[in-house]
Amino acid sequence: MEKQKIDILLGLQWGDEGKGKIVDVVTPKYDVVARFQGGPNAGHSLEFNGIRHVLHIIPSGIFHKEKTNIIGNGVVIDPITFEEEIDALKNLGLTPTDNLFISKKAHLILPTHRLLDAAYESQKGDKKIGSTLKGIGPTYTDKTARTGLRVCDLISPNFAEKYSQAITQHLKILDGLGFDYKTALPELEYKWRASLDTLKSFTFIDSEYEMYDYLQSGKSVLAEGAQGTMLDLEFGAYPFVTSSNTIAAGAFTGLGLDPHLAGKVIGIVKAYCTRVGSGPFPTELFDATGEQLRKQGNEYGATTGRPRRCGWLDLVALKYALMINGVTDIALTKADVMDNFETINICTAYKVNGELTTRMPTETDAIIEPVYTPLKGWMQNISSCKTYDELPQTFKDYIRFIEEETHVKVSIVSVGPDRDATIFRD
């Protein structure tokens, strides 16, 4: 039997595009859903039966009991957050130990990683990058430095020694930074150790072998990314980025797969733009329109609760994201948030230091002025639309404009937060 291709689903902006919902609604088409990077700094929101659910580490296919879910080697796991998510799933009547498996090679977020995150961020003063303070960056730092602890270490007879060595090294760094950790550390360590029983109740796997076997046997696999393309460690607005590779290429290192197995790349695009944290955001709105987007879109971080910065759709950034990810299909989300906008602007070019361009600048201190094309708003509620034909023509014109500019089809249109408020154009 010929091996299946693996489809990849990821965000094309600064995160918060609605990946959780789209993974949930496309999961019935797949046998396996696998997270390939990131950690509890991600917040994937799903809504069904009028209830909102937020996942941070666990793949968004977990609500489909018959589907296999995998946390890949590229993910970093905080046992405390993991336990909280598992408890919430159990309260819904799910048995996640039945269909969730964890890569032995995934790295662990230690209690002191959170403290290091806070210490490093406080040292930056007014140059903070807007870290979620979940310990993600320091964990990936240890991974790169080859001093990290992995899931497989939990079942090693030398785990206590490895843990002690890591913590001791972290405390030396915290002492050197003059960071007061003595009050917070005991409680963090207590919660962390207590949460290990939940983590160890799951099956740890060599995920690269398992993924290969799934594809070899003809099973369909969806790779789920976290954050967004513009936060990629390599191609985002460095240093205002996350600590992992959020782009499609990250799916292959984050799951141990052959790049030749790439199938569809589904890119999630919010109908406008949002960002949490510091860093360049060319189309950001500081006026009443920006506040209207924030209020109507409930734009507050699913992980942090922080107000998101809001702005118009940026096609310069989007085209860049489409290019480096090889996107085959766009899923457009949250267009219903703009139901009552008479005019909707779309950024089609930049003036960078006074010069017109359609390319993303590498320098994060460049002075960027967005160049807008105004489009007519649809001025009606689209959340009740069930088919593409039911959508107002002005909204279809908005979609067509995006497609003509990007040369990629908008295959999925989300017109509301619930899983049923989704239109598939095929």
Protein backbone atom coordinates (compact mmCIF):
# COMPACT_ATOMS: atom_id res chain seq x y z
CA MET A 1 0.00 0.00 0.00
CA GLU A 2 1.30 3.46 -0.92
CA LYS A 3 2.07 5.68 2.05
CA GLN A 4 -0.43 8.44 2.81
CA LYS A 5 0.63 12.07 2.66
CA ILE A 6 0.48 14.14 5.83
CA ASP A 7 -1.60 17.32 5.78
CA ILE A 8 -0.43 20.29 7.83
CA LEU A 9 -2.61 22.91 9.49
CA LEU A 10 -1.03 26.07 10.86
CA GLY A 11 -1.52 29.77 11.50
CA LEU A 12 -0.36 32.31 8.92
CA GLN A 13 -0.35 35.42 11.09
CA TRP A 14 0.74 36.14 14.68
CA GLY A 15 -1.20 33.28 16.24
CA ASP A 16 -4.78 33.33 17.56
CA GLU A 17 -6.16 32.70 14.07
CA GLY A 18 -8.66 30.07 15.22
CA LYS A 19 -6.61 26.93 14.57
CA GLY A 20 -8.31 24.96 17.33
CA LYS A 21 -11.75 25.30 15.79
CA ILE A 22 -10.55 24.45 12.28
CA VAL A 23 -8.65 21.37 13.51
CA ASP A 24 -11.78 20.27 15.33
CA VAL A 25 -14.02 20.60 12.27
CA VAL A 26 -11.62 18.88 9.85
CA THR A 27 -10.64 16.08 12.26
CA PRO A 28 -13.43 13.75 11.04
CA LYS A 29 -11.48 13.49 7.76
CA TYR A 30 -8.37 12.17 9.55
CA ASP A 31 -7.37 9.16 11.62
CA VAL A 32 -4.57 10.90 13.55
CA VAL A 33 -4.00 14.47 14.79
CA ALA A 34 -0.46 15.35 15.95
CA ARG A 35 0.91 18.55 17.54
CA PHE A 36 4.42 19.26 16.25
CA GLN A 37 5.75 22.27 18.22
CA GLY A 38 5.12 24.86 20.90
CA GLY A 39 3.91 24.43 24.44
CA PRO A 40 1.37 25.86 26.89
CA ASN A 41 1.93 29.34 25.44
CA ALA A 42 -0.55 28.20 22.78
CA GLY A 43 -4.27 28.53 23.42
CA HIS A 44 -6.43 26.67 20.91
CA SER A 45 -10.08 27.56 21.46
CA LEU A 46 -12.94 25.32 20.35
CA GLU A 47 -16.65 25.85 20.82
CA PHE A 48 -19.47 23.35 20.45
CA ASN A 49 -22.82 22.84 22.14
CA GLY A 50 -22.49 26.41 23.35
CA ILE A 51 -19.43 25.62 25.49
CA ARG A 52 -15.95 27.08 24.91
CA HIS A 53 -12.96 24.80 25.45
CA VAL A 54 -9.31 25.89 25.48
CA LEU A 55 -6.43 23.48 24.86
CA HIS A 56 -2.79 24.40 25.41
CA ILE A 57 -0.73 21.26 24.82
CA ILE A 58 -3.18 18.55 23.79
CA PRO A 59 -4.06 18.27 20.07
CA SER A 60 -7.41 19.74 19.11
CA GLY A 61 -8.67 16.40 17.80
CA ILE A 62 -9.03 15.05 21.35
CA PHE A 63 -12.80 15.63 21.46
CA HIS A 64 -13.25 12.98 18.77
CA LYS A 65 -12.95 9.81 20.83
CA GLU A 66 -12.30 7.54 17.87
CA LYS A 67 -9.30 9.56 16.66
CA THR A 68 -5.68 9.09 17.70
CA ASN A 69 -3.93 12.19 19.10
CA ILE A 70 -0.16 12.55 19.45
CA ILE A 71 2.02 15.11 21.21
CA GLY A 72 5.14 15.14 19.07
CA ASN A 73 8.80 15.46 19.92
CA GLY A 74 8.85 19.15 18.95
CA VAL A 75 6.43 20.08 21.76
CA VAL A 76 7.53 21.16 25.24
CA ILE A 77 5.27 19.91 28.04
CA ASP A 78 4.47 21.52 31.37
CA PRO A 79 3.14 18.65 33.55
CA ILE A 80 1.08 21.07 35.64
CA THR A 81 -0.76 22.51 32.65
CA PHE A 82 -1.08 19.05 31.16
CA GLU A 83 -2.79 17.74 34.30
CA GLU A 84 -5.22 20.68 34.33
CA GLU A 85 -6.18 19.97 30.72
CA ILE A 86 -6.63 16.26 31.39
CA ASP A 87 -8.83 16.94 34.42
CA ALA A 88 -11.01 19.25 32.32
CA LEU A 89 -11.38 16.59 29.63
CA LYS A 90 -12.30 13.95 32.19
CA ASN A 91 -14.97 16.26 33.59
CA LEU A 92 -16.51 16.21 30.11
CA GLY A 93 -16.71 12.43 30.22
CA LEU A 94 -13.67 11.80 28.01
CA THR A 95 -10.98 9.19 28.67
CA PRO A 96 -7.88 10.80 27.13
CA THR A 97 -5.56 7.92 28.09
CA ASP A 98 -7.39 5.91 25.42
CA ASN A 99 -6.53 8.08 22.44
CA LEU A 100 -3.68 10.42 23.42
CA PHE A 101 -0.04 9.36 23.13
CA ILE A 102 3.13 11.29 23.95
CA SER A 103 6.51 11.27 22.25
CA LYS A 104 9.33 10.09 24.47
CA LYS A 105 11.48 12.82 22.92
CA ALA A 106 9.24 15.74 23.91
CA HIS A 107 10.99 18.03 26.41
CA LEU A 108 9.73 18.86 29.89
CA ILE A 109 9.16 22.35 31.26
CA LEU A 110 10.64 22.33 34.76
CA PRO A 111 9.46 24.58 37.63
CA THR A 112 12.59 26.70 37.32
CA HIS A 113 12.00 27.26 33.61
CA ARG A 114 9.04 29.46 34.54
CA LEU A 115 11.20 31.42 36.97
CA LEU A 116 13.95 31.83 34.39
CA ASP A 117 11.37 33.11 31.91
CA ALA A 118 10.25 35.77 34.38
CA ALA A 119 13.83 36.68 35.28
CA TYR A 120 14.96 37.07 31.65
CA GLU A 121 11.90 39.13 30.75
CA SER A 122 12.34 41.46 33.73
CA GLN A 123 15.97 42.04 32.70
CA LYS A 124 14.85 43.40 29.33
CA GLY A 125 13.10 46.43 30.84
CA ASP A 126 11.28 48.38 28.11
CA LYS A 127 12.59 45.94 25.47
CA LYS A 128 10.38 43.08 26.67
CA ILE A 129 9.27 40.71 23.91
CA GLY A 130 5.95 39.93 25.61
CA SER A 131 6.69 36.40 26.82
CA THR A 132 3.76 34.41 28.24
CA LEU A 133 6.09 33.51 31.15
CA LYS A 134 5.21 29.82 30.81
CA GLY A 135 8.84 28.72 30.66
CA ILE A 136 8.78 27.95 26.94
CA GLY A 137 11.89 29.88 25.88
CA PRO A 138 14.17 28.58 28.65
CA THR A 139 13.01 25.02 27.93
CA TYR A 140 13.90 25.31 24.26
CA THR A 141 17.19 26.95 25.32
CA ASP A 142 18.05 23.89 27.42
CA LYS A 143 17.03 21.65 24.55
CA THR A 144 19.48 23.45 22.25
CA ALA A 145 22.16 23.43 24.96
CA ARG A 146 21.63 19.66 25.36
CA THR A 147 20.85 19.99 29.07
CA GLY A 148 17.07 19.51 28.90
CA LEU A 149 14.96 16.71 30.37
CA ARG A 150 12.70 14.70 28.11
CA VAL A 151 9.57 12.67 28.70
CA CYS A 152 11.62 9.46 28.52
CA ASP A 153 13.66 10.68 31.49
CA LEU A 154 10.58 10.32 33.69
CA ILE A 155 10.91 6.54 33.51
CA SER A 156 14.70 6.54 33.84
CA PRO A 157 16.23 5.19 37.08
CA ASN A 158 18.45 8.30 37.05
CA PHE A 159 15.59 10.79 36.83
CA ALA A 160 16.09 12.26 40.32
CA GLU A 161 19.76 12.91 39.59
CA LYS A 162 19.04 14.50 36.20
CA TYR A 163 16.32 16.67 37.70
CA SER A 164 18.56 17.82 40.55
CA GLN A 165 21.37 18.74 38.16
CA ALA A 166 19.04 20.80 35.97
CA ILE A 167 17.44 22.62 38.90
CA THR A 168 20.82 23.36 40.50
CA GLN A 169 22.08 24.91 37.26
CA HIS A 170 18.95 27.02 36.92
CA LEU A 171 19.22 28.31 40.48
CA LYS A 172 22.79 29.42 39.82
CA ILE A 173 21.56 31.46 36.87
CA LEU A 174 18.72 32.96 38.91
CA ASP A 175 21.16 33.87 41.69
CA GLY A 176 23.41 35.53 39.12
CA LEU A 177 20.47 37.58 37.85
CA GLY A 178 19.52 38.57 41.38
CA PHE A 179 16.05 37.09 40.94
CA ASP A 180 14.13 36.20 44.11
CA TYR A 181 12.79 32.67 43.64
CA LYS A 182 12.71 31.36 47.20
CA THR A 183 9.05 32.18 47.82
CA ALA A 184 7.65 30.83 44.57
CA LEU A 185 9.83 27.75 44.01
CA PRO A 186 8.57 25.41 46.78
CA GLU A 187 4.93 25.61 45.67
CA LEU A 188 5.89 25.30 42.00
CA GLU A 189 7.98 22.22 42.71
CA TYR A 190 5.24 20.66 44.82
CA LYS A 191 2.63 21.11 42.06
CA TRP A 192 5.07 19.93 39.41
CA ARG A 193 5.98 16.71 41.22
CA ALA A 194 2.35 15.99 42.06
CA SER A 195 1.34 16.39 38.41
CA LEU A 196 3.84 13.79 37.18
CA ASP A 197 1.51 10.92 38.09
CA THR A 198 -0.99 12.17 35.53
CA LEU A 199 1.64 12.51 32.82
CA LYS A 200 3.06 9.06 33.55
CA SER A 201 -0.39 7.49 33.27
CA PHE A 202 -0.18 8.01 29.49
CA THR A 203 1.57 5.82 26.96
CA PHE A 204 4.94 7.18 25.86
CA ILE A 205 5.85 6.32 22.28
CA ASP A 206 8.62 6.59 19.72
CA SER A 207 6.39 8.90 17.73
CA GLU A 208 8.53 8.96 14.59
CA TYR A 209 8.10 5.19 14.20
CA GLU A 210 4.42 5.34 15.04
CA MET A 211 3.79 8.16 12.58
CA TYR A 212 5.62 6.26 9.84
CA ASP A 213 3.58 3.13 10.56
CA TYR A 214 0.31 5.07 10.47
CA LEU A 215 1.12 6.49 7.06
CA GLN A 216 2.49 3.17 5.79
CA SER A 217 -0.78 1.47 6.72
CA GLY A 218 -2.84 4.08 4.85
CA LYS A 219 -4.05 6.13 7.80
CA SER A 220 -4.60 9.85 7.26
CA VAL A 221 -2.66 12.25 9.49
CA LEU A 222 -3.10 15.95 10.28
CA ALA A 223 -0.17 17.85 11.78
CA GLU A 224 -1.35 20.71 14.01
CA GLY A 225 0.85 23.75 14.54
CA ALA A 226 0.76 26.31 17.34
CA GLN A 227 1.25 30.09 17.36
CA GLY A 228 1.62 31.55 13.85
CA THR A 229 4.04 31.91 10.94
CA MET A 230 4.98 35.49 11.83
CA LEU A 231 6.22 34.22 15.20
CA ASP A 232 8.53 31.61 13.68
CA LEU A 233 12.00 31.58 15.25
CA GLU A 234 13.68 31.88 11.84
CA PHE A 235 11.25 33.87 9.73
CA GLY A 236 9.27 35.97 12.20
CA ALA A 237 10.13 39.50 13.28
CA TYR A 238 13.14 38.44 15.38
CA PRO A 239 13.58 38.79 18.33
CA PHE A 240 9.81 39.24 18.82
CA VAL A 241 9.18 35.60 18.06
CA THR A 242 8.45 32.31 19.77
CA SER A 243 11.12 29.68 20.46
CA SER A 244 10.14 27.04 17.90
CA ASN A 245 9.57 26.64 14.17
CA THR A 246 5.92 27.39 13.56
CA ILE A 247 6.09 26.99 9.78
CA ALA A 248 5.25 23.88 7.74
CA ALA A 249 8.86 22.70 7.74
CA GLY A 250 8.62 22.41 11.53
CA ALA A 251 6.08 19.62 11.16
CA PHE A 252 8.75 17.30 9.80
CA THR A 253 11.34 17.93 12.50
CA GLY A 254 8.62 18.13 15.16
CA LEU A 255 7.23 14.71 14.26
CA GLY A 256 10.20 12.97 12.64
CA LEU A 257 8.72 12.70 9.17
CA ASP A 258 10.10 12.59 5.64
CA PRO A 259 9.44 15.93 3.82
CA HIS A 260 8.43 13.96 0.73
CA LEU A 261 5.27 13.00 2.61
CA ALA A 262 3.87 16.55 2.55
CA GLY A 263 0.27 16.75 1.40
CA LYS A 264 -2.03 19.73 1.80
CA VAL A 265 -0.95 22.75 3.81
CA ILE A 266 -4.02 24.42 5.28
CA GLY A 267 -3.26 27.97 6.41
CA ILE A 268 -5.54 29.68 8.94
CA VAL A 269 -6.10 33.39 8.33
CA LYS A 270 -8.16 35.70 10.50
CA ALA A 271 -10.17 38.15 8.37
CA TYR A 272 -8.32 40.91 10.19
CA CYS A 273 -5.06 40.76 12.20
CA THR A 274 -4.28 40.47 15.89
CA ARG A 275 -1.13 40.16 17.91
CA VAL A 276 -0.29 39.57 21.57
CA GLY A 277 3.01 40.85 22.93
CA SER A 278 5.60 43.26 21.60
CA GLY A 279 7.01 43.60 18.11
CA PRO A 280 6.17 45.11 14.71
CA PHE A 281 2.52 45.13 13.67
CA PRO A 282 2.18 47.38 10.58
CA THR A 283 -1.64 47.47 10.34
CA GLU A 284 -2.32 47.95 14.04
CA LEU A 285 -5.21 50.28 14.78
CA PHE A 286 -5.01 52.58 17.79
CA ASP A 287 -8.42 54.18 17.24
CA ALA A 288 -12.07 53.33 17.84
CA THR A 289 -12.02 50.85 14.93
CA GLY A 290 -9.29 48.85 16.62
CA GLU A 291 -11.24 48.85 19.87
CA GLN A 292 -14.36 47.78 17.99
CA LEU A 293 -12.51 44.81 16.50
CA ARG A 294 -11.21 43.86 19.94
CA LYS A 295 -14.62 44.11 21.58
CA GLN A 296 -16.65 42.37 18.86
CA GLY A 297 -14.01 39.70 18.32
CA ASN A 298 -13.46 39.13 22.06
CA GLU A 299 -9.79 39.55 21.35
CA TYR A 300 -8.16 38.50 24.58
CA GLY A 301 -5.47 35.82 24.76
CA ALA A 302 -6.81 32.30 25.39
CA THR A 303 -3.69 31.54 27.44
CA THR A 304 -2.87 34.87 29.08
CA GLY A 305 -6.10 36.85 28.94
CA ARG A 306 -4.11 39.81 27.64
CA PRO A 307 -5.91 42.24 25.27
CA ARG A 308 -4.80 41.54 21.71
CA ARG A 309 -3.55 44.30 19.46
CA CYS A 310 -5.95 44.56 16.49
CA GLY A 311 -5.57 45.77 12.91
CA TRP A 312 -6.61 45.30 9.29
CA LEU A 313 -5.72 42.25 7.21
CA ASP A 314 -2.10 42.47 6.00
CA LEU A 315 -1.60 40.87 2.57
CA VAL A 316 2.14 41.64 2.50
CA ALA A 317 2.64 39.49 5.58
CA LEU A 318 0.10 36.93 4.34
CA LYS A 319 1.78 36.46 0.95
CA TYR A 320 5.09 35.98 2.75
CA ALA A 321 3.53 33.32 4.98
CA LEU A 322 1.91 31.56 2.03
CA MET A 323 5.25 31.48 0.21
CA ILE A 324 7.39 29.98 2.96
CA ASN A 325 4.74 27.43 3.98
CA GLY A 326 3.67 26.27 0.53
CA VAL A 327 0.03 26.77 1.50
CA THR A 328 -2.51 24.98 -0.70
CA ASP A 329 -5.73 26.05 1.05
CA ILE A 330 -6.77 29.05 3.14
CA ALA A 331 -9.23 28.78 6.02
CA LEU A 332 -10.66 32.26 6.69
CA THR A 333 -11.89 32.84 10.23
CA LYS A 334 -13.79 35.45 12.26
CA ALA A 335 -15.15 37.39 9.29
CA ASP A 336 -18.41 37.66 11.24
CA VAL A 337 -16.64 40.05 13.62
CA MET A 338 -16.76 42.67 10.83
CA ASP A 339 -20.45 42.26 10.00
CA ASN A 340 -21.20 45.91 10.78
CA PHE A 341 -18.20 47.61 9.14
CA GLU A 342 -19.19 49.87 6.22
CA THR A 343 -15.63 49.97 4.87
CA ILE A 344 -12.94 47.36 5.36
CA ASN A 345 -9.32 48.13 4.55
CA ILE A 346 -6.79 45.57 3.34
CA CYS A 347 -3.07 46.31 3.36
CA THR A 348 -1.63 45.52 -0.09
CA ALA A 349 1.82 47.15 0.18
CA TYR A 350 4.20 48.89 2.59
CA LYS A 351 6.13 52.09 2.51
CA VAL A 352 9.34 51.11 4.31
CA ASN A 353 11.42 54.11 5.26
CA GLY A 354 9.52 55.96 2.54
CA GLU A 355 9.99 53.39 -0.26
CA LEU A 356 7.10 51.35 -1.67
CA THR A 357 7.49 47.55 -1.42
CA THR A 358 5.47 44.34 -1.28
CA ARG A 359 8.21 42.45 0.59
CA MET A 360 8.49 41.85 4.32
CA PRO A 361 11.41 43.83 5.79
CA THR A 362 13.87 41.87 7.89
CA GLU A 363 14.81 44.79 10.12
CA THR A 364 12.37 45.14 12.99
CA ASP A 365 13.23 48.80 13.54
CA ALA A 366 12.17 49.81 10.02
CA ILE A 367 9.50 52.51 9.77
CA ILE A 368 6.58 50.76 8.04
CA GLU A 369 3.55 52.60 6.68
CA PRO A 370 0.75 50.35 5.37
CA VAL A 371 -0.81 51.09 1.98
CA TYR A 372 -4.51 50.20 2.01
CA THR A 373 -7.12 49.19 -0.54
CA PRO A 374 -10.63 49.94 0.78
CA LEU A 375 -13.41 47.41 0.18
CA LYS A 376 -17.11 47.67 0.84
CA GLY A 377 -18.35 45.89 3.97
CA TRP A 378 -21.21 43.41 3.83
CA MET A 379 -23.22 45.06 6.63
CA GLN A 380 -25.24 42.00 7.58
CA ASN A 381 -25.05 39.03 9.92
CA ILE A 382 -23.33 36.12 8.19
CA SER A 383 -23.28 33.76 11.17
CA SER A 384 -26.48 32.02 10.09
CA CYS A 385 -25.20 31.25 6.57
CA LYS A 386 -24.80 27.51 5.98
CA THR A 387 -23.57 27.52 2.37
CA TYR A 388 -21.28 29.71 0.30
CA ASP A 389 -24.18 30.76 -1.92
CA GLU A 390 -25.99 32.22 1.10
CA LEU A 391 -23.14 34.64 1.85
CA PRO A 392 -23.65 38.29 0.77
CA GLN A 393 -21.99 39.28 -2.49
CA THR A 394 -19.87 41.94 -0.80
CA PHE A 395 -18.36 39.26 1.46
CA LYS A 396 -17.73 37.04 -1.56
CA ASP A 397 -16.00 40.04 -3.15
CA TYR A 398 -13.79 40.28 -0.06
CA ILE A 399 -12.86 36.61 -0.43
CA ARG A 400 -12.29 36.95 -4.16
CA PHE A 401 -9.97 39.92 -3.57
CA ILE A 402 -7.86 37.80 -1.20
CA GLU A 403 -7.75 34.92 -3.67
CA GLU A 404 -6.78 37.14 -6.61
CA GLU A 405 -4.00 38.76 -4.59
CA THR A 406 -2.61 35.53 -3.12
CA HIS A 407 -3.46 32.97 -5.84
CA VAL A 408 -4.59 30.54 -3.12
CA LYS A 409 -8.17 29.35 -2.71
CA VAL A 410 -10.18 30.13 0.41
CA SER A 411 -11.50 26.61 0.92
CA ILE A 412 -12.96 27.00 4.42
CA VAL A 413 -14.93 29.96 5.77
CA SER A 414 -15.71 30.25 9.48
CA VAL A 415 -18.71 32.47 10.20
CA GLY A 416 -18.91 31.97 13.97
CA PRO A 417 -17.16 30.33 16.92
CA ASP A 418 -19.23 27.12 17.00
CA ARG A 419 -18.00 24.09 15.04
CA ASP A 420 -21.27 24.15 13.04
CA ALA A 421 -20.64 27.72 11.86
CA THR A 422 -18.25 26.53 9.14
CA ILE A 423 -18.64 26.55 5.36
CA PHE A 424 -16.61 24.17 3.18
CA ARG A 425 -16.43 25.39 -0.40
CA ASP A 426 -15.54 21.99 -1.89
